[in-house]
C-alpha atoms as a PDB file:
ATOM      1  CA  MET A   1       0.009   0.059   0.002  1.00  0.00           C
ATOM      2  CA  TRP A   2       2.706   2.448   0.928  1.00  0.00           C
ATOM      3  CA  ARG A   3       4.742   1.657  -2.074  1.00  0.00           C
ATOM      4  CA  SER A   4       1.696   2.413  -4.208  1.00  0.00           C
ATOM      5  CA  PHE A   5       1.104   5.697  -2.385  1.00  0.00           C
ATOM      6  CA  LEU A   6       4.678   6.971  -2.533  1.00  0.00           C
ATOM      7  CA  THR A   7       4.988   6.332  -6.255  1.00  0.00           C
ATOM      8  CA  GLN A   8       2.071   8.705  -6.943  1.00  0.00           C
ATOM      9  CA  TRP A   9       2.628  11.180  -4.022  1.00  0.00           C
ATOM     10  CA  ASN A  10       2.938  14.724  -5.207  1.00  0.00           C
ATOM     11  CA  CYS A  11       5.412  15.644  -2.387  1.00  0.00           C
ATOM     12  CA  ARG A  12       3.414  18.741  -1.604  1.00  0.00           C
ATOM     13  CA  SER A  13       0.431  17.627   0.488  1.00  0.00           C
ATOM     14  CA  PHE A  14       0.278  18.308   4.100  1.00  0.00           C
ATOM     15  CA  PHE A  15      -1.141  15.879   6.589  1.00  0.00           C
ATOM     16  CA  VAL A  16      -4.464  16.896   8.089  1.00  0.00           C
ATOM     17  CA  ASP A  17      -4.516  17.185  11.898  1.00  0.00           C
ATOM     18  CA  GLU A  18      -6.029  13.923  13.019  1.00  0.00           C
ATOM     19  CA  GLU A  19      -7.705  15.422  16.070  1.00  0.00           C
ATOM     20  CA  ILE A  20     -11.263  15.723  14.922  1.00  0.00           C
ATOM     21  CA  ILE A  21     -13.287  18.216  16.764  1.00  0.00           C
ATOM     22  CA  ALA A  22     -16.105  18.369  14.260  1.00  0.00           C
ATOM     23  CA  PRO A  23     -16.441  16.734  10.836  1.00  0.00           C
ATOM     24  CA  ASP A  24     -16.451  18.870   7.710  1.00  0.00           C
ATOM     25  CA  PHE A  25     -18.800  16.280   6.031  1.00  0.00           C
ATOM     26  CA  ASP A  26     -20.991  13.301   6.876  1.00  0.00           C
ATOM     27  CA  LEU A  27     -21.347  10.170   4.778  1.00  0.00           C
ATOM     28  CA  PHE A  28     -24.397   7.995   5.389  1.00  0.00           C
ATOM     29  CA  THR A  29     -24.049   4.311   4.456  1.00  0.00           C
ATOM     30  CA  ASP A  30     -26.088   1.241   4.893  1.00  0.00           C
ATOM     31  CA  ALA A  31     -25.953  -2.275   3.471  1.00  0.00           C
ATOM     32  CA  THR A  32     -28.362  -5.201   3.739  1.00  0.00           C
ATOM     33  CA  SER A  33     -27.383  -8.867   3.395  1.00  0.00           C
ATOM     34  CA  SER A  34     -30.349  -9.636   1.148  1.00  0.00           C
ATOM     35  CA  VAL A  35     -31.255  -6.519  -0.912  1.00  0.00           C
ATOM     36  CA  GLY A  36     -28.524  -3.967  -1.593  1.00  0.00           C
ATOM     37  CA  TYR A  37     -26.509  -1.104  -0.392  1.00  0.00           C
ATOM     38  CA  GLY A  38     -26.867   2.654  -0.257  1.00  0.00           C
ATOM     39  CA  SER A  39     -24.827   5.736   0.425  1.00  0.00           C
ATOM     40  CA  TYR A  40     -25.707   9.469   0.686  1.00  0.00           C
ATOM     41  CA  PHE A  41     -23.104  12.271   0.583  1.00  0.00           C
ATOM     42  CA  GLN A  42     -24.376  15.839   0.347  1.00  0.00           C
ATOM     43  CA  GLU A  43     -26.732  15.570  -2.718  1.00  0.00           C
ATOM     44  CA  GLY A  44     -24.836  12.565  -4.222  1.00  0.00           C
ATOM     45  CA  TRP A  45     -26.296   9.066  -3.667  1.00  0.00           C
ATOM     46  CA  ILE A  46     -25.845   5.306  -4.579  1.00  0.00           C
ATOM     47  CA  ALA A  47     -28.461   2.691  -4.307  1.00  0.00           C
ATOM     48  CA  HIS A  48     -27.556  -0.691  -5.908  1.00  0.00           C
ATOM     49  CA  GLN A  49     -28.187  -4.415  -5.478  1.00  0.00           C
ATOM     50  CA  ARG A  50     -25.614  -6.002  -3.409  1.00  0.00           C
ATOM     51  CA  PRO A  51     -22.524  -7.494  -5.156  1.00  0.00           C
ATOM     52  CA  ASN A  52     -22.763 -11.150  -5.981  1.00  0.00           C
ATOM     53  CA  ILE A  53     -19.733 -12.385  -4.223  1.00  0.00           C
ATOM     54  CA  LEU A  54     -18.866 -15.374  -1.973  1.00  0.00           C
ATOM     55  CA  PHE A  55     -16.929 -14.972   1.136  1.00  0.00           C
ATOM     56  CA  GLU A  56     -15.016 -18.211   1.928  1.00  0.00           C
ATOM     57  CA  GLU A  57     -17.715 -20.084   0.047  1.00  0.00           C
ATOM     58  CA  ARG A  58     -20.582 -18.418   2.026  1.00  0.00           C
ATOM     59  CA  GLU A  59     -22.378 -15.066   1.972  1.00  0.00           C
ATOM     60  CA  PRO A  60     -20.192 -12.247   3.021  1.00  0.00           C
ATOM     61  CA  PRO A  61     -20.668 -10.769   6.579  1.00  0.00           C
ATOM     62  CA  ILE A  62     -22.550  -7.612   6.727  1.00  0.00           C
ATOM     63  CA  ALA A  63     -19.525  -5.810   8.127  1.00  0.00           C
ATOM     64  CA  PHE A  64     -17.716  -6.576   4.800  1.00  0.00           C
ATOM     65  CA  LEU A  65     -20.589  -5.215   2.781  1.00  0.00           C
ATOM     66  CA  GLU A  66     -20.753  -2.067   4.923  1.00  0.00           C
ATOM     67  CA  LEU A  67     -17.002  -1.490   4.430  1.00  0.00           C
ATOM     68  CA  TYR A  68     -17.219  -2.258   0.797  1.00  0.00           C
ATOM     69  CA  LEU A  69     -19.609   0.658   0.469  1.00  0.00           C
ATOM     70  CA  ILE A  70     -17.458   3.015   2.557  1.00  0.00           C
ATOM     71  CA  ALA A  71     -14.440   2.139   0.411  1.00  0.00           C
ATOM     72  CA  MET A  72     -16.472   2.868  -2.718  1.00  0.00           C
ATOM     73  CA  ALA A  73     -17.795   6.104  -1.440  1.00  0.00           C
ATOM     74  CA  ALA A  74     -14.215   7.194  -0.598  1.00  0.00           C
ATOM     75  CA  ALA A  75     -13.166   6.189  -4.135  1.00  0.00           C
ATOM     76  CA  LEU A  76     -16.077   8.092  -5.681  1.00  0.00           C
ATOM     77  CA  TRP A  77     -16.234  11.272  -3.560  1.00  0.00           C
ATOM     78  CA  GLY A  78     -12.872  11.304  -1.848  1.00  0.00           C
ATOM     79  CA  TYR A  79     -11.483  13.959  -4.272  1.00  0.00           C
ATOM     80  CA  LEU A  80     -14.123  16.356  -2.582  1.00  0.00           C
ATOM     81  CA  TRP A  81     -12.780  15.436   0.888  1.00  0.00           C
ATOM     82  CA  SER A  82      -9.149  16.817   0.486  1.00  0.00           C
ATOM     83  CA  ASN A  83      -7.967  18.405   3.623  1.00  0.00           C
ATOM     84  CA  LYS A  84     -11.232  17.612   5.335  1.00  0.00           C
ATOM     85  CA  ARG A  85     -12.563  15.610   8.220  1.00  0.00           C
ATOM     86  CA  ILE A  86     -15.250  13.016   7.262  1.00  0.00           C
ATOM     87  CA  ARG A  87     -17.587  11.219   9.607  1.00  0.00           C
ATOM     88  CA  PHE A  88     -18.949   7.900   8.370  1.00  0.00           C
ATOM     89  CA  LEU A  89     -22.340   7.191   9.866  1.00  0.00           C
ATOM     90  CA  CYS A  90     -23.092   3.503   9.969  1.00  0.00           C
ATOM     91  CA  ASP A  91     -25.620   1.309  11.689  1.00  0.00           C
ATOM     92  CA  ASN A  92     -23.175  -1.632  12.025  1.00  0.00           C
ATOM     93  CA  THR A  93     -21.048  -1.552  15.182  1.00  0.00           C
ATOM     94  CA  THR A  94     -18.509  -3.962  13.786  1.00  0.00           C
ATOM     95  CA  THR A  95     -17.780  -1.805  10.764  1.00  0.00           C
ATOM     96  CA  VAL A  96     -17.494   1.289  12.969  1.00  0.00           C
ATOM     97  CA  ALA A  97     -14.878  -0.528  15.108  1.00  0.00           C
ATOM     98  CA  ILE A  98     -13.061  -1.723  11.958  1.00  0.00           C
ATOM     99  CA  CYS A  99     -12.934   1.865  10.554  1.00  0.00           C
ATOM    100  CA  ASN A 100     -11.838   3.434  13.811  1.00  0.00           C
ATOM    101  CA  LYS A 101      -9.197   0.821  14.623  1.00  0.00           C
ATOM    102  CA  GLY A 102      -8.054   0.264  10.999  1.00  0.00           C
ATOM    103  CA  ARG A 103      -7.794  -3.522  11.341  1.00  0.00           C
ATOM    104  CA  SER A 104      -9.713  -6.774  11.271  1.00  0.00           C
ATOM    105  CA  LYS A 105      -8.834 -10.420  11.591  1.00  0.00           C
ATOM    106  CA  CYS A 106     -10.400 -11.140   8.324  1.00  0.00           C
ATOM    107  CA  PRO A 107      -8.021 -10.898   5.308  1.00  0.00           C
ATOM    108  CA  LEU A 108     -10.682  -9.767   2.855  1.00  0.00           C
ATOM    109  CA  VAL A 109     -11.905  -7.121   5.198  1.00  0.00           C
ATOM    110  CA  MET A 110      -8.273  -5.960   5.567  1.00  0.00           C
ATOM    111  CA  GLN A 111      -7.994  -5.607   1.756  1.00  0.00           C
ATOM    112  CA  LEU A 112     -10.874  -3.116   1.914  1.00  0.00           C
ATOM    113  CA  THR A 113      -9.419  -1.452   4.894  1.00  0.00           C
ATOM    114  CA  ARG A 114      -6.039  -0.934   3.138  1.00  0.00           C
ATOM    115  CA  LYS A 115      -7.857   0.386   0.082  1.00  0.00           C
ATOM    116  CA  LEU A 116      -9.665   2.886   2.297  1.00  0.00           C
ATOM    117  CA  VAL A 117      -6.370   3.882   4.073  1.00  0.00           C
ATOM    118  CA  LEU A 118      -4.691   4.371   0.687  1.00  0.00           C
ATOM    119  CA  THR A 119      -7.543   6.506  -0.646  1.00  0.00           C
ATOM    120  CA  THR A 120      -7.320   8.530   2.570  1.00  0.00           C
ATOM    121  CA  ALA A 121      -3.580   9.123   2.149  1.00  0.00           C
ATOM    122  CA  ARG A 122      -3.878   9.888  -1.631  1.00  0.00           C
ATOM    123  CA  ARG A 123      -6.758  12.392  -1.048  1.00  0.00           C
ATOM    124  CA  ASN A 124      -5.396  13.754   2.148  1.00  0.00           C
ATOM    125  CA  PHE A 125      -8.406  13.447   4.466  1.00  0.00           C
ATOM    126  CA  VAL A 126      -9.119  11.879   7.816  1.00  0.00           C
ATOM    127  CA  PHE A 127     -12.099   9.961   8.903  1.00  0.00           C
ATOM    128  CA  TYR A 128     -13.870   8.403  11.754  1.00  0.00           C
ATOM    129  CA  ALA A 129     -16.938   6.358  12.063  1.00  0.00           C
ATOM    130  CA  THR A 130     -19.851   6.806  14.354  1.00  0.00           C
ATOM    131  CA  HIS A 131     -22.660   4.284  15.039  1.00  0.00           C
ATOM    132  CA  LEU A 132     -26.078   5.575  14.016  1.00  0.00           C
ATOM    133  CA  PRO A 133     -28.798   3.276  15.260  1.00  0.00           C
ATOM    134  CA  GLY A 134     -30.965   1.828  12.427  1.00  0.00           C
ATOM    135  CA  LYS A 135     -34.174   3.601  13.601  1.00  0.00           C
ATOM    136  CA  ARG A 136     -32.346   7.067  13.054  1.00  0.00           C
ATOM    137  CA  HIS A 137     -30.846   5.864   9.831  1.00  0.00           C
ATOM    138  CA  SER A 138     -33.712   6.286   7.490  1.00  0.00           C
ATOM    139  CA  ILE A 139     -31.969   7.663   4.426  1.00  0.00           C
ATOM    140  CA  GLY A 140     -29.356   4.883   4.430  1.00  0.00           C
ATOM    141  CA  ASP A 141     -32.061   2.363   5.107  1.00  0.00           C
ATOM    142  CA  ALA A 142     -34.236   3.529   2.138  1.00  0.00           C
ATOM    143  CA  LEU A 143     -31.297   3.384  -0.219  1.00  0.00           C
ATOM    144  CA  SER A 144     -30.034  -0.012   0.833  1.00  0.00           C
ATOM    145  CA  ARG A 145     -33.548  -1.361   0.479  1.00  0.00           C
ATOM    146  CA  LEU A 146     -33.901   0.297  -2.950  1.00  0.00           C
ATOM    147  CA  GLN A 147     -36.846   2.291  -1.760  1.00  0.00           C
ATOM    148  CA  LEU A 148     -36.212   5.298  -3.945  1.00  0.00           C
ATOM    149  CA  SER A 149     -39.538   7.007  -3.495  1.00  0.00           C
ATOM    150  CA  LYS A 150     -39.036   6.908   0.279  1.00  0.00           C
ATOM    151  CA  PHE A 151     -35.464   8.255  -0.185  1.00  0.00           C
ATOM    152  CA  ARG A 152     -36.788  11.160  -2.428  1.00  0.00           C
ATOM    153  CA  ARG A 153     -39.152  12.172   0.324  1.00  0.00           C
ATOM    154  CA  LEU A 154     -36.336  11.996   2.965  1.00  0.00           C
ATOM    155  CA  ALA A 155     -33.825  13.806   0.812  1.00  0.00           C
ATOM    156  CA  PRO A 156     -35.699  16.112  -1.721  1.00  0.00           C
ATOM    157  CA  THR A 157     -32.486  17.987  -2.717  1.00  0.00           C
ATOM    158  CA  ALA A 158     -30.667  14.814  -3.731  1.00  0.00           C
ATOM    159  CA  GLN A 159     -29.406  14.665  -7.358  1.00  0.00           C
ATOM    160  CA  LYS A 160     -31.962  13.142  -9.746  1.00  0.00           C
ATOM    161  CA  GLU A 161     -29.526  10.440 -10.904  1.00  0.00           C
ATOM    162  CA  GLN A 162     -27.410   8.299  -8.711  1.00  0.00           C
ATOM    163  CA  THR A 163     -23.635   8.440  -8.836  1.00  0.00           C
ATOM    164  CA  PRO A 164     -22.303   5.540 -10.988  1.00  0.00           C
ATOM    165  CA  VAL A 165     -21.063   2.719  -8.878  1.00  0.00           C
ATOM    166  CA  LEU A 166     -17.621   1.071  -9.121  1.00  0.00           C
ATOM    167  CA  SER A 167     -16.990  -2.520  -9.490  1.00  0.00           C
ATOM    168  CA  MET A 168     -15.381  -4.615  -6.744  1.00  0.00           C
ATOM    169  CA  VAL A 169     -12.206  -4.814  -8.770  1.00  0.00           C
ATOM    170  CA  ASP A 170     -12.039  -0.951  -8.928  1.00  0.00           C
ATOM    171  CA  ILE A 171     -12.455  -0.676  -5.212  1.00  0.00           C
ATOM    172  CA  THR A 172     -10.024  -3.299  -3.913  1.00  0.00           C
ATOM    173  CA  TYR A 173      -6.281  -3.455  -4.084  1.00  0.00           C
ATOM    174  CA  PRO A 174      -5.138  -6.208  -4.644  1.00  0.00           C
ATOM    175  CA  PRO A 175      -8.346  -7.452  -6.399  1.00  0.00           C
ATOM    176  CA  LEU A 176     -10.732  -9.694  -4.412  1.00  0.00           C
ATOM    177  CA  GLN A 177     -11.714 -13.040  -5.776  1.00  0.00           C
ATOM    178  CA  THR A 178     -15.275 -12.500  -7.098  1.00  0.00           C
END
C-alpha cells in the first residue's frame, strides 16, 4: 500500500490534523445482506443491489458489505474530501470498530481497509466512524432497500440520478476473488 502511495505522491500535500473536533462532512451508508447497499453524501447518492460475491464459500458478513460501501464512497467522492474531516455514519457496530481501529482479523476485510487507508492518504483526508442506530438511519435504510420514492421524500434535494457505482475490482487492491 505504501509503495503504491509513494510512487504517486505529489510531495506537496500536508497531513491533516488527526484530532477531529467536528467533521467537515458526513457520509451516510447502509448495506443489507439480502437486498442492496446505499450511500448518501451531500446531494450525491448510490443505491444498488448488493454485489454477488462469495466469502469463503458463503455469503459475506454484513460488516464486509458495509465496509465495501464506505471504500466505494471514498473512491467516488474522496476528491471532494481533500484536507477535510469526514464522519462515516453507519448502523453496524463492527464496521464502525474496523474503521476506527483500522484493522480486522479477516484478510478480505483488511483488503478493503487498506484500500480505504490508501484513498485517505492519496486524497489527504481523515475520517472516523460513528454508530447511528437503524431507527435513526432512515436515508441509508431507504437506499439499501432500494426504496427510492421513500429516499426522495427524505432527501428532496438529492441529485436526480445516482452516482455511477464502481465494481469490486475498482475498489479493492489487490483485487478480491469474485
